[in-house]
Amino acid sequence: MSETVSTTLLNVLLVIVLAVAAILVAKRQREAHERRESEMRGAVDLLAVHAHSLAALDDDAMPPSLAAFALDVSDLLHDIDRRATMLSVARRRAFQRGRGLITPSQPSQADATLVADYLALRAVRPDLATAYMQSIVAGILSFERRYPECAGAFGVDVARLIDSPVDEAERVVREARSMREAWGPAPALAA
C-alpha cells in the first residue's frame, strides 16, 4: 500500500513540477514577445523619423550628392533580399573587431566630397544637415531594431555621433558606401 502512495505522490509531484516549468516557459516567452514588440514599436518610430527626414531633403538647397547618398542608404536598408548579406557582413565585422583586425579605412575622394558637402550644408542650412543625418542614423537604427541579427553591420556609435557628428558621419558614410559597393547598386538604381 505504501508503494502505491509513494508512486501516486511522485506522480502528483511530477505533474506539479511540469506545471511550474510550463508556467515559467510561458512567462519567458511572453517576456521575449513583449521585448520584441517593444523593439518593433521603436523601429516603427525610427522609420517615421527616417521618412520625415528624407521628405525634408526635398529642397533646392540640398546638394544632389547628399540627397542621392541618403536615398542610396535608404534603398539599401529597405532591400530585404540583401538582409542575409548584411547579416554575414555584421558577423564578419564583429569577429574582426573582436580580434582587433579592423583598421579604420581612409576616406576616398568621394567620401571626402560628401563630408565637404555636408559641412558646407551645415554652415548654410543646418536644418537640412540635421535632416540628412537623421535620415541616415534613424534608418540604420530602425533596420537594426527590425533585424536584430544584423545589428552592428554599420556599427553606428551613438555616443560618438553626439560627440563628433562630422567624424561619425564620415565613418558611417564609409561603412554604408563599402556595403553598397560590395552589393552593387539597388535594382531601382541600376536602370
C-alpha atoms as a PDB file:
ATOM      1  CA  MET A   1       0.000   0.000   0.000  1.00  0.00           C
ATOM      2  CA  SER A   2       2.776   2.465   0.858  1.00  0.00           C
ATOM      3  CA  GLU A   3       4.366   1.768  -2.515  1.00  0.00           C
ATOM      4  CA  THR A   4       1.138   2.860  -4.257  1.00  0.00           C
ATOM      5  CA  VAL A   5       1.026   6.009  -2.150  1.00  0.00           C
ATOM      6  CA  SER A   6       4.683   6.757  -2.980  1.00  0.00           C
ATOM      7  CA  THR A   7       4.047   6.278  -6.692  1.00  0.00           C
ATOM      8  CA  THR A   8       0.924   8.440  -6.556  1.00  0.00           C
ATOM      9  CA  LEU A   9       2.760  11.116  -4.596  1.00  0.00           C
ATOM     10  CA  LEU A  10       5.645  11.063  -7.079  1.00  0.00           C
ATOM     11  CA  ASN A  11       3.212  11.380  -9.979  1.00  0.00           C
ATOM     12  CA  VAL A  12       1.491  14.340  -8.309  1.00  0.00           C
ATOM     13  CA  LEU A  13       4.853  15.991  -7.650  1.00  0.00           C
ATOM     14  CA  LEU A  14       5.893  15.341 -11.242  1.00  0.00           C
ATOM     15  CA  VAL A  15       2.705  16.979 -12.518  1.00  0.00           C
ATOM     16  CA  ILE A  16       3.304  19.980 -10.236  1.00  0.00           C
ATOM     17  CA  VAL A  17       6.911  20.332 -11.394  1.00  0.00           C
ATOM     18  CA  LEU A  18       5.853  20.094 -15.055  1.00  0.00           C
ATOM     19  CA  ALA A  19       3.110  22.672 -14.487  1.00  0.00           C
ATOM     20  CA  VAL A  20       5.568  25.083 -12.831  1.00  0.00           C
ATOM     21  CA  ALA A  21       8.056  24.536 -15.660  1.00  0.00           C
ATOM     22  CA  ALA A  22       5.343  25.187 -18.251  1.00  0.00           C
ATOM     23  CA  ILE A  23       4.352  28.398 -16.439  1.00  0.00           C
ATOM     24  CA  LEU A  24       7.984  29.579 -16.349  1.00  0.00           C
ATOM     25  CA  VAL A  25       8.479  28.801 -20.057  1.00  0.00           C
ATOM     26  CA  ALA A  26       5.262  30.643 -20.933  1.00  0.00           C
ATOM     27  CA  LYS A  27       6.370  33.618 -18.833  1.00  0.00           C
ATOM     28  CA  ARG A  28       9.768  33.760 -20.590  1.00  0.00           C
ATOM     29  CA  GLN A  29       8.113  33.506 -23.990  1.00  0.00           C
ATOM     30  CA  ARG A  30       5.701  36.319 -23.078  1.00  0.00           C
ATOM     31  CA  GLU A  31       8.593  38.489 -21.881  1.00  0.00           C
ATOM     32  CA  ALA A  32      10.545  37.788 -25.093  1.00  0.00           C
ATOM     33  CA  HIS A  33       7.453  38.605 -27.144  1.00  0.00           C
ATOM     34  CA  GLU A  34       6.917  41.868 -25.234  1.00  0.00           C
ATOM     35  CA  ARG A  35      10.588  42.784 -25.681  1.00  0.00           C
ATOM     36  CA  ARG A  36      10.398  42.089 -29.427  1.00  0.00           C
ATOM     37  CA  GLU A  37       7.137  44.024 -29.696  1.00  0.00           C
ATOM     38  CA  SER A  38       8.809  46.984 -27.990  1.00  0.00           C
ATOM     39  CA  GLU A  39      11.736  46.763 -30.434  1.00  0.00           C
ATOM     40  CA  MET A  40       9.326  46.754 -33.357  1.00  0.00           C
ATOM     41  CA  ARG A  41       7.438  49.787 -31.992  1.00  0.00           C
ATOM     42  CA  GLY A  42      10.797  51.548 -31.704  1.00  0.00           C
ATOM     43  CA  ALA A  43      11.636  50.531 -35.278  1.00  0.00           C
ATOM     44  CA  VAL A  44       8.343  51.978 -36.498  1.00  0.00           C
ATOM     45  CA  ASP A  45       9.024  55.231 -34.647  1.00  0.00           C
ATOM     46  CA  LEU A  46      12.512  55.410 -36.146  1.00  0.00           C
ATOM     47  CA  LEU A  47      11.121  54.676 -39.610  1.00  0.00           C
ATOM     48  CA  ALA A  48       8.767  57.629 -39.183  1.00  0.00           C
ATOM     49  CA  VAL A  49      11.756  59.853 -38.324  1.00  0.00           C
ATOM     50  CA  HIS A  50      13.639  58.408 -41.305  1.00  0.00           C
ATOM     51  CA  ALA A  51      10.739  59.066 -43.706  1.00  0.00           C
ATOM     52  CA  HIS A  52      10.098  62.563 -42.340  1.00  0.00           C
ATOM     53  CA  SER A  53      13.802  63.420 -42.603  1.00  0.00           C
ATOM     54  CA  LEU A  54      14.022  62.113 -46.163  1.00  0.00           C
ATOM     55  CA  ALA A  55      11.000  64.208 -47.114  1.00  0.00           C
ATOM     56  CA  ALA A  56      12.706  67.285 -45.630  1.00  0.00           C
ATOM     57  CA  LEU A  57      15.652  66.724 -48.001  1.00  0.00           C
ATOM     58  CA  ASP A  58      13.407  67.564 -50.962  1.00  0.00           C
ATOM     59  CA  ASP A  59      14.707  71.121 -51.054  1.00  0.00           C
ATOM     60  CA  ASP A  60      16.524  73.072 -53.765  1.00  0.00           C
ATOM     61  CA  ALA A  61      19.328  73.896 -51.310  1.00  0.00           C
ATOM     62  CA  MET A  62      20.112  70.204 -50.775  1.00  0.00           C
ATOM     63  CA  PRO A  63      23.323  69.191 -52.577  1.00  0.00           C
ATOM     64  CA  PRO A  64      22.491  66.451 -55.101  1.00  0.00           C
ATOM     65  CA  SER A  65      25.376  64.288 -53.852  1.00  0.00           C
ATOM     66  CA  LEU A  66      23.985  64.196 -50.308  1.00  0.00           C
ATOM     67  CA  ALA A  67      20.407  63.651 -51.456  1.00  0.00           C
ATOM     68  CA  ALA A  68      21.493  60.787 -53.715  1.00  0.00           C
ATOM     69  CA  PHE A  69      23.546  59.207 -50.943  1.00  0.00           C
ATOM     70  CA  ALA A  70      20.664  59.459 -48.442  1.00  0.00           C
ATOM     71  CA  LEU A  71      18.392  57.736 -50.969  1.00  0.00           C
ATOM     72  CA  ASP A  72      21.013  55.057 -51.666  1.00  0.00           C
ATOM     73  CA  VAL A  73      21.302  54.304 -47.946  1.00  0.00           C
ATOM     74  CA  SER A  74      17.511  54.206 -47.625  1.00  0.00           C
ATOM     75  CA  ASP A  75      17.261  51.780 -50.558  1.00  0.00           C
ATOM     76  CA  LEU A  76      19.993  49.623 -49.052  1.00  0.00           C
ATOM     77  CA  LEU A  77      18.223  49.469 -45.690  1.00  0.00           C
ATOM     78  CA  HIS A  78      14.867  48.566 -47.185  1.00  0.00           C
ATOM     79  CA  ASP A  79      16.086  45.843 -49.544  1.00  0.00           C
ATOM     80  CA  ILE A  80      15.009  42.749 -47.652  1.00  0.00           C
ATOM     81  CA  ASP A  81      16.650  40.433 -50.200  1.00  0.00           C
ATOM     82  CA  ARG A  82      20.055  41.648 -49.064  1.00  0.00           C
ATOM     83  CA  ARG A  83      19.441  41.012 -45.372  1.00  0.00           C
ATOM     84  CA  ALA A  84      21.368  37.717 -45.474  1.00  0.00           C
ATOM     85  CA  THR A  85      24.378  39.521 -46.898  1.00  0.00           C
ATOM     86  CA  MET A  86      24.002  42.218 -44.234  1.00  0.00           C
ATOM     87  CA  LEU A  87      23.956  39.504 -41.561  1.00  0.00           C
ATOM     88  CA  SER A  88      27.101  37.942 -43.000  1.00  0.00           C
ATOM     89  CA  VAL A  89      28.848  41.329 -43.074  1.00  0.00           C
ATOM     90  CA  ALA A  90      27.762  42.094 -39.495  1.00  0.00           C
ATOM     91  CA  ARG A  91      29.066  38.773 -38.203  1.00  0.00           C
ATOM     92  CA  ARG A  92      32.359  39.102 -40.064  1.00  0.00           C
ATOM     93  CA  ARG A  93      32.898  42.658 -38.783  1.00  0.00           C
ATOM     94  CA  ALA A  94      32.014  41.687 -35.224  1.00  0.00           C
ATOM     95  CA  PHE A  95      34.561  38.854 -35.426  1.00  0.00           C
ATOM     96  CA  GLN A  96      37.199  41.188 -36.884  1.00  0.00           C
ATOM     97  CA  ARG A  97      36.505  43.946 -34.327  1.00  0.00           C
ATOM     98  CA  GLY A  98      36.746  41.434 -31.501  1.00  0.00           C
ATOM     99  CA  ARG A  99      40.214  40.444 -32.630  1.00  0.00           C
ATOM    100  CA  GLY A 100      41.432  43.920 -33.491  1.00  0.00           C
ATOM    101  CA  LEU A 101      41.667  43.072 -37.185  1.00  0.00           C
ATOM    102  CA  ILE A 102      39.708  46.087 -38.439  1.00  0.00           C
ATOM    103  CA  THR A 103      41.733  49.167 -39.060  1.00  0.00           C
ATOM    104  CA  PRO A 104      39.982  52.406 -39.870  1.00  0.00           C
ATOM    105  CA  SER A 105      39.828  52.811 -43.617  1.00  0.00           C
ATOM    106  CA  GLN A 106      40.995  56.002 -45.221  1.00  0.00           C
ATOM    107  CA  PRO A 107      38.245  58.085 -46.756  1.00  0.00           C
ATOM    108  CA  SER A 108      38.072  58.025 -50.530  1.00  0.00           C
ATOM    109  CA  GLN A 109      37.775  61.169 -52.619  1.00  0.00           C
ATOM    110  CA  ALA A 110      34.020  60.531 -52.933  1.00  0.00           C
ATOM    111  CA  ASP A 111      33.731  60.215 -49.131  1.00  0.00           C
ATOM    112  CA  ALA A 112      35.715  63.406 -48.636  1.00  0.00           C
ATOM    113  CA  THR A 113      33.451  65.195 -51.125  1.00  0.00           C
ATOM    114  CA  LEU A 114      30.339  64.019 -49.272  1.00  0.00           C
ATOM    115  CA  VAL A 115      31.769  65.214 -45.954  1.00  0.00           C
ATOM    116  CA  ALA A 116      32.742  68.555 -47.504  1.00  0.00           C
ATOM    117  CA  ASP A 117      29.237  68.896 -48.956  1.00  0.00           C
ATOM    118  CA  TYR A 118      27.795  68.055 -45.538  1.00  0.00           C
ATOM    119  CA  LEU A 119      29.964  70.641 -43.778  1.00  0.00           C
ATOM    120  CA  ALA A 120      29.056  73.294 -46.356  1.00  0.00           C
ATOM    121  CA  LEU A 121      25.372  72.445 -45.980  1.00  0.00           C
ATOM    122  CA  ARG A 122      25.642  72.593 -42.208  1.00  0.00           C
ATOM    123  CA  ALA A 123      27.115  76.093 -42.463  1.00  0.00           C
ATOM    124  CA  VAL A 124      24.278  77.470 -44.611  1.00  0.00           C
ATOM    125  CA  ARG A 125      21.316  75.203 -43.830  1.00  0.00           C
ATOM    126  CA  PRO A 126      21.735  73.436 -40.500  1.00  0.00           C
ATOM    127  CA  ASP A 127      18.128  72.230 -40.715  1.00  0.00           C
ATOM    128  CA  LEU A 128      18.904  70.249 -43.880  1.00  0.00           C
ATOM    129  CA  ALA A 129      22.176  68.963 -42.431  1.00  0.00           C
ATOM    130  CA  THR A 130      20.274  67.731 -39.394  1.00  0.00           C
ATOM    131  CA  ALA A 131      17.592  66.112 -41.573  1.00  0.00           C
ATOM    132  CA  TYR A 132      20.345  64.403 -43.597  1.00  0.00           C
ATOM    133  CA  MET A 133      21.963  62.915 -40.501  1.00  0.00           C
ATOM    134  CA  GLN A 134      18.587  61.972 -39.015  1.00  0.00           C
ATOM    135  CA  SER A 135      17.574  60.155 -42.190  1.00  0.00           C
ATOM    136  CA  ILE A 136      20.721  58.041 -42.219  1.00  0.00           C
ATOM    137  CA  VAL A 137      21.008  57.342 -38.487  1.00  0.00           C
ATOM    138  CA  ALA A 138      17.272  56.752 -37.929  1.00  0.00           C
ATOM    139  CA  GLY A 139      17.201  54.438 -40.942  1.00  0.00           C
ATOM    140  CA  ILE A 140      20.155  52.402 -39.719  1.00  0.00           C
ATOM    141  CA  LEU A 141      18.876  52.179 -36.144  1.00  0.00           C
ATOM    142  CA  SER A 142      15.415  51.182 -37.393  1.00  0.00           C
ATOM    143  CA  PHE A 143      16.982  48.483 -39.563  1.00  0.00           C
ATOM    144  CA  GLU A 144      18.912  47.131 -36.604  1.00  0.00           C
ATOM    145  CA  ARG A 145      15.765  47.013 -34.474  1.00  0.00           C
ATOM    146  CA  ARG A 146      13.758  45.286 -37.203  1.00  0.00           C
ATOM    147  CA  TYR A 147      16.525  42.772 -37.838  1.00  0.00           C
ATOM    148  CA  PRO A 148      18.482  42.399 -34.586  1.00  0.00           C
ATOM    149  CA  GLU A 149      20.527  39.593 -36.122  1.00  0.00           C
ATOM    150  CA  CYS A 150      22.056  42.275 -38.373  1.00  0.00           C
ATOM    151  CA  ALA A 151      22.802  44.722 -35.558  1.00  0.00           C
ATOM    152  CA  GLY A 152      26.292  46.097 -35.846  1.00  0.00           C
ATOM    153  CA  ALA A 153      26.509  45.804 -39.612  1.00  0.00           C
ATOM    154  CA  PHE A 154      27.051  49.548 -39.835  1.00  0.00           C
ATOM    155  CA  GLY A 155      28.465  49.933 -36.341  1.00  0.00           C
ATOM    156  CA  VAL A 156      26.791  53.258 -35.547  1.00  0.00           C
ATOM    157  CA  ASP A 157      28.121  54.569 -32.258  1.00  0.00           C
ATOM    158  CA  VAL A 158      25.504  56.983 -30.928  1.00  0.00           C
ATOM    159  CA  ALA A 159      27.891  58.367 -28.294  1.00  0.00           C
ATOM    160  CA  ARG A 160      30.460  59.220 -30.973  1.00  0.00           C
ATOM    161  CA  LEU A 161      27.701  60.676 -33.139  1.00  0.00           C
ATOM    162  CA  ILE A 162      26.711  63.060 -30.346  1.00  0.00           C
ATOM    163  CA  ASP A 163      30.324  63.892 -29.503  1.00  0.00           C
ATOM    164  CA  SER A 164      31.569  64.400 -33.059  1.00  0.00           C
ATOM    165  CA  PRO A 165      28.814  64.265 -35.678  1.00  0.00           C
ATOM    166  CA  VAL A 166      31.062  65.077 -38.640  1.00  0.00           C
ATOM    167  CA  ASP A 167      33.603  62.361 -37.868  1.00  0.00           C
ATOM    168  CA  GLU A 168      30.877  59.809 -37.172  1.00  0.00           C
ATOM    169  CA  ALA A 169      29.020  60.877 -40.329  1.00  0.00           C
ATOM    170  CA  GLU A 170      32.182  60.298 -42.334  1.00  0.00           C
ATOM    171  CA  ARG A 171      32.658  56.859 -40.795  1.00  0.00           C
ATOM    172  CA  VAL A 172      29.014  55.861 -41.362  1.00  0.00           C
ATOM    173  CA  VAL A 173      29.256  57.112 -44.943  1.00  0.00           C
ATOM    174  CA  ARG A 174      32.331  54.928 -45.479  1.00  0.00           C
ATOM    175  CA  GLU A 175      30.612  51.879 -43.938  1.00  0.00           C
ATOM    176  CA  ALA A 176      27.450  52.363 -45.991  1.00  0.00           C
ATOM    177  CA  ARG A 177      29.436  53.044 -49.161  1.00  0.00           C
ATOM    178  CA  SER A 178      31.554  49.912 -48.678  1.00  0.00           C
ATOM    179  CA  MET A 179      28.399  47.828 -48.267  1.00  0.00           C
ATOM    180  CA  ARG A 180      26.755  49.429 -51.276  1.00  0.00           C
ATOM    181  CA  GLU A 181      29.884  48.839 -53.370  1.00  0.00           C
ATOM    182  CA  ALA A 182      30.133  45.234 -52.189  1.00  0.00           C
ATOM    183  CA  TRP A 183      26.498  44.557 -53.093  1.00  0.00           C
ATOM    184  CA  GLY A 184      26.243  46.670 -56.220  1.00  0.00           C
ATOM    185  CA  PRO A 185      23.511  49.195 -56.897  1.00  0.00           C
ATOM    186  CA  ALA A 186      19.971  48.597 -55.738  1.00  0.00           C
ATOM    187  CA  PRO A 187      17.720  47.310 -58.546  1.00  0.00           C
ATOM    188  CA  ALA A 188      15.849  50.626 -58.813  1.00  0.00           C
ATOM    189  CA  LEU A 189      19.136  52.488 -59.241  1.00  0.00           C
ATOM    190  CA  ALA A 190      20.653  50.061 -61.716  1.00  0.00           C
ATOM    191  CA  ALA A 191      18.346  51.130 -64.543  1.00  0.00           C
END
